N, C-alpha and C. Protein backbone atom coordinates (compact mmCIF):
# COMPACT_ATOMS: atom_id res chain seq x y z
N MET A 1 126.23 129.89 92.59
CA MET A 1 126.27 127.94 93.09
C MET A 1 125.31 127.42 92.47
N VAL A 2 125.37 126.13 92.36
CA VAL A 2 124.88 124.84 91.94
C VAL A 2 123.53 124.07 92.88
N PRO A 3 122.79 124.03 92.76
CA PRO A 3 121.72 123.67 93.68
C PRO A 3 121.73 122.12 93.00
N PHE A 4 121.82 120.83 94.17
CA PHE A 4 121.87 119.69 93.90
C PHE A 4 120.84 119.18 95.17
N PHE A 5 120.01 118.13 94.59
CA PHE A 5 119.44 117.09 96.13
C PHE A 5 119.96 115.75 96.07
N VAL A 6 119.86 115.14 97.60
CA VAL A 6 120.57 114.16 97.54
C VAL A 6 119.59 113.05 98.33
N GLN A 7 118.83 112.23 97.65
CA GLN A 7 117.94 111.51 98.17
C GLN A 7 119.10 110.30 99.43
N ILE A 8 118.40 110.05 100.84
CA ILE A 8 119.41 109.68 101.54
C ILE A 8 118.45 108.02 102.10
N LYS A 9 118.73 106.92 102.00
CA LYS A 9 118.70 105.75 102.64
C LYS A 9 119.27 105.18 104.13
N CYS A 10 118.80 105.62 104.90
CA CYS A 10 119.01 105.46 106.37
C CYS A 10 119.07 104.12 107.41
N GLN A 11 119.97 103.48 107.54
CA GLN A 11 120.13 102.39 108.19
C GLN A 11 118.66 102.38 109.25
N LEU A 12 118.10 101.15 109.48
CA LEU A 12 117.30 100.78 110.37
C LEU A 12 117.11 101.64 111.59
N GLY A 13 116.06 102.90 111.81
CA GLY A 13 116.52 103.76 113.12
C GLY A 13 117.31 104.97 113.07
N LYS A 14 117.81 105.17 112.33
CA LYS A 14 118.94 106.56 111.81
C LYS A 14 118.55 107.64 111.71
N SER A 15 117.51 107.32 111.51
CA SER A 15 117.13 108.43 110.33
C SER A 15 117.41 110.23 110.95
N TYR A 16 116.82 110.08 112.19
CA TYR A 16 117.01 111.47 112.91
C TYR A 16 118.50 111.96 113.17
N GLU A 17 119.27 110.47 113.40
CA GLU A 17 120.72 110.64 113.89
C GLU A 17 121.48 111.41 112.67
N VAL A 18 120.91 111.02 111.26
CA VAL A 18 121.76 111.37 110.49
C VAL A 18 121.34 112.88 109.94
N ALA A 19 120.24 112.81 109.88
CA ALA A 19 119.47 114.62 110.34
C ALA A 19 119.80 115.37 110.63
N ASN A 20 120.11 115.07 112.14
CA ASN A 20 120.78 115.84 112.77
C ASN A 20 122.40 116.09 112.79
N ARG A 21 123.26 114.97 112.01
CA ARG A 21 124.68 115.28 112.29
C ARG A 21 124.47 116.11 110.69
N LEU A 22 123.49 115.80 109.33
CA LEU A 22 123.91 116.98 108.77
C LEU A 22 123.25 118.14 108.47
N ALA A 23 122.37 118.42 109.70
CA ALA A 23 122.19 119.68 110.31
C ALA A 23 123.28 120.48 111.00
N ASP A 24 124.54 119.84 111.96
CA ASP A 24 124.75 120.09 112.44
C ASP A 24 126.50 120.60 111.87
N THR A 25 126.34 119.79 110.61
CA THR A 25 127.99 120.18 110.19
C THR A 25 127.66 120.92 108.87
N GLU A 26 126.35 121.78 109.09
CA GLU A 26 125.82 122.69 108.07
C GLU A 26 126.41 123.14 106.69
N ILE A 27 125.89 121.52 105.84
CA ILE A 27 126.32 121.33 104.87
C ILE A 27 125.03 121.63 103.62
N ALA A 28 124.29 121.11 104.57
CA ALA A 28 122.96 121.36 103.65
C ALA A 28 122.17 122.29 103.74
N SER A 29 121.74 122.45 102.56
CA SER A 29 120.45 124.09 102.74
C SER A 29 118.74 123.37 103.30
N GLU A 30 119.13 122.56 103.20
CA GLU A 30 117.43 122.08 103.49
C GLU A 30 117.33 120.61 103.71
N ILE A 31 116.80 120.39 104.49
CA ILE A 31 116.50 118.68 105.11
C ILE A 31 115.17 118.15 105.59
N TYR A 32 114.83 117.40 104.71
CA TYR A 32 113.17 116.95 104.58
C TYR A 32 113.40 115.41 104.56
N SER A 33 112.47 115.05 105.47
CA SER A 33 112.08 113.79 106.12
C SER A 33 111.16 113.13 104.92
N THR A 34 111.25 112.06 104.44
CA THR A 34 110.40 111.30 103.38
C THR A 34 109.61 110.22 103.54
N ALA A 35 108.51 109.95 103.00
CA ALA A 35 108.15 108.64 103.09
C ALA A 35 108.49 108.17 101.56
N GLY A 36 108.58 106.51 101.75
CA GLY A 36 108.83 105.68 100.16
C GLY A 36 110.03 105.27 100.32
N GLU A 37 110.99 104.68 99.28
CA GLU A 37 112.48 104.17 99.21
C GLU A 37 113.24 104.75 100.15
N PHE A 38 113.33 106.27 100.02
CA PHE A 38 114.30 106.59 101.18
C PHE A 38 113.80 107.68 101.91
N ASP A 39 114.96 108.10 102.94
CA ASP A 39 114.01 108.78 104.00
C ASP A 39 114.28 110.28 104.38
N LEU A 40 115.37 110.79 104.22
CA LEU A 40 115.21 112.14 103.59
C LEU A 40 115.44 112.09 102.07
N LEU A 41 115.19 113.91 101.88
CA LEU A 41 115.66 114.46 100.95
C LEU A 41 116.36 115.88 101.22
N VAL A 42 117.52 116.03 100.96
CA VAL A 42 118.77 117.00 100.87
C VAL A 42 118.98 117.63 100.10
N LYS A 43 118.30 119.04 100.29
CA LYS A 43 119.00 119.93 99.31
C LYS A 43 120.49 120.79 99.33
N PHE A 44 121.05 120.58 98.67
CA PHE A 44 123.07 121.19 98.87
C PHE A 44 123.06 122.29 97.44
N TYR A 45 124.00 123.40 98.23
CA TYR A 45 124.80 123.81 96.79
C TYR A 45 125.97 123.53 96.96
N VAL A 46 126.93 124.03 95.88
CA VAL A 46 128.09 124.33 96.08
C VAL A 46 128.31 124.81 94.90
N ASP A 47 129.46 125.40 95.13
CA ASP A 47 129.93 126.19 94.48
C ASP A 47 130.29 125.71 92.56
N GLU A 48 130.16 127.06 91.70
CA GLU A 48 129.54 126.04 90.30
C GLU A 48 131.08 125.40 89.90
N LYS A 49 132.73 125.14 90.53
CA LYS A 49 133.90 124.13 89.82
C LYS A 49 133.41 123.42 91.08
N ALA A 50 132.83 123.14 91.44
CA ALA A 50 132.94 122.11 92.24
C ALA A 50 132.33 120.57 92.05
N ASP A 51 133.16 119.76 92.46
CA ASP A 51 133.28 118.47 92.16
C ASP A 51 131.58 117.80 92.18
N ILE A 52 130.63 117.91 92.39
CA ILE A 52 129.34 117.14 93.11
C ILE A 52 129.78 115.36 93.60
N GLY A 53 130.24 114.98 92.55
CA GLY A 53 130.34 113.61 92.92
C GLY A 53 131.28 113.39 94.35
N HIS A 54 132.34 114.11 94.14
CA HIS A 54 133.10 114.33 95.25
C HIS A 54 132.55 115.01 96.77
N PHE A 55 131.81 115.84 96.26
CA PHE A 55 131.19 116.26 97.53
C PHE A 55 130.58 115.30 98.19
N VAL A 56 129.28 114.54 97.25
CA VAL A 56 128.50 114.30 98.06
C VAL A 56 129.35 112.42 98.87
N ASN A 57 130.36 112.03 97.89
CA ASN A 57 131.01 110.92 98.24
C ASN A 57 132.22 111.15 100.02
N GLU A 58 132.67 112.64 99.62
CA GLU A 58 133.18 112.58 100.85
C GLU A 58 132.77 113.18 102.08
N LYS A 59 131.79 114.40 101.61
CA LYS A 59 130.90 115.08 103.08
C LYS A 59 129.66 114.48 103.42
N VAL A 60 128.71 113.45 102.54
CA VAL A 60 127.64 113.03 102.71
C VAL A 60 127.98 111.30 103.07
N GLN A 61 128.19 111.03 102.50
CA GLN A 61 128.13 109.38 102.57
C GLN A 61 129.22 108.68 103.60
N THR A 62 129.99 109.96 104.00
CA THR A 62 131.05 109.42 104.93
C THR A 62 130.56 109.52 106.08
N ILE A 63 128.76 110.19 106.20
CA ILE A 63 128.11 110.21 107.57
C ILE A 63 127.25 109.02 108.16
N PRO A 64 128.25 108.19 109.37
CA PRO A 64 127.69 107.32 110.11
C PRO A 64 126.11 106.91 110.06
N GLY A 65 125.31 105.89 109.41
CA GLY A 65 123.68 105.45 109.49
C GLY A 65 123.31 105.50 108.08
N ILE A 66 124.32 106.69 107.09
CA ILE A 66 123.41 106.70 105.57
C ILE A 66 123.84 104.81 104.93
N GLN A 67 122.78 104.31 104.48
CA GLN A 67 123.02 103.28 103.68
C GLN A 67 123.23 103.25 102.42
N ASP A 68 122.51 104.66 101.93
CA ASP A 68 122.37 104.42 100.19
C ASP A 68 121.82 106.18 100.16
N THR A 69 122.83 106.60 98.74
CA THR A 69 122.13 107.69 98.40
C THR A 69 121.68 107.39 96.88
N ARG A 70 120.98 108.76 96.63
CA ARG A 70 120.37 108.96 94.69
C ARG A 70 120.84 110.68 94.77
N THR A 71 121.62 111.22 93.67
CA THR A 71 121.82 112.07 94.04
C THR A 71 121.02 112.53 92.51
N ILE A 72 120.53 114.09 92.73
CA ILE A 72 119.58 114.30 91.63
C ILE A 72 120.02 115.89 91.00
N ILE A 73 120.52 115.73 89.97
CA ILE A 73 121.17 116.82 89.65
C ILE A 73 119.59 118.07 88.75
N THR A 74 119.71 119.08 89.49
CA THR A 74 119.17 120.18 88.27
C THR A 74 119.66 120.98 87.49
N PHE A 75 118.85 121.55 86.62
CA PHE A 75 119.23 122.38 85.82
C PHE A 75 118.74 123.88 85.52
N LYS A 76 117.76 123.90 85.60
CA LYS A 76 116.79 125.42 86.04
C LYS A 76 115.57 125.52 86.97
N ALA A 77 115.83 126.75 87.80
CA ALA A 77 114.68 126.47 88.67
C ALA A 77 113.72 127.10 88.13
N PHE A 78 112.29 127.20 87.87
CA PHE A 78 111.16 127.61 87.59
C PHE A 78 110.14 128.75 88.24
């Protein structure tokens, strides 16, 4: 499995709704509320052959209340 992170900027007042929907879909490994430019930091795992771009586009960005995303691809855990 390949881990990656997505920072999510939510529409005003929608952070908890977005976090709950992510939790309900059971596609996220971890969901954190954050301060700053983005509202949520979410960790995902996909199969090594999966296309991360398609995953984010089809499974994450389609959740109502999401305004913007930034995907962070990781290379190695220490």
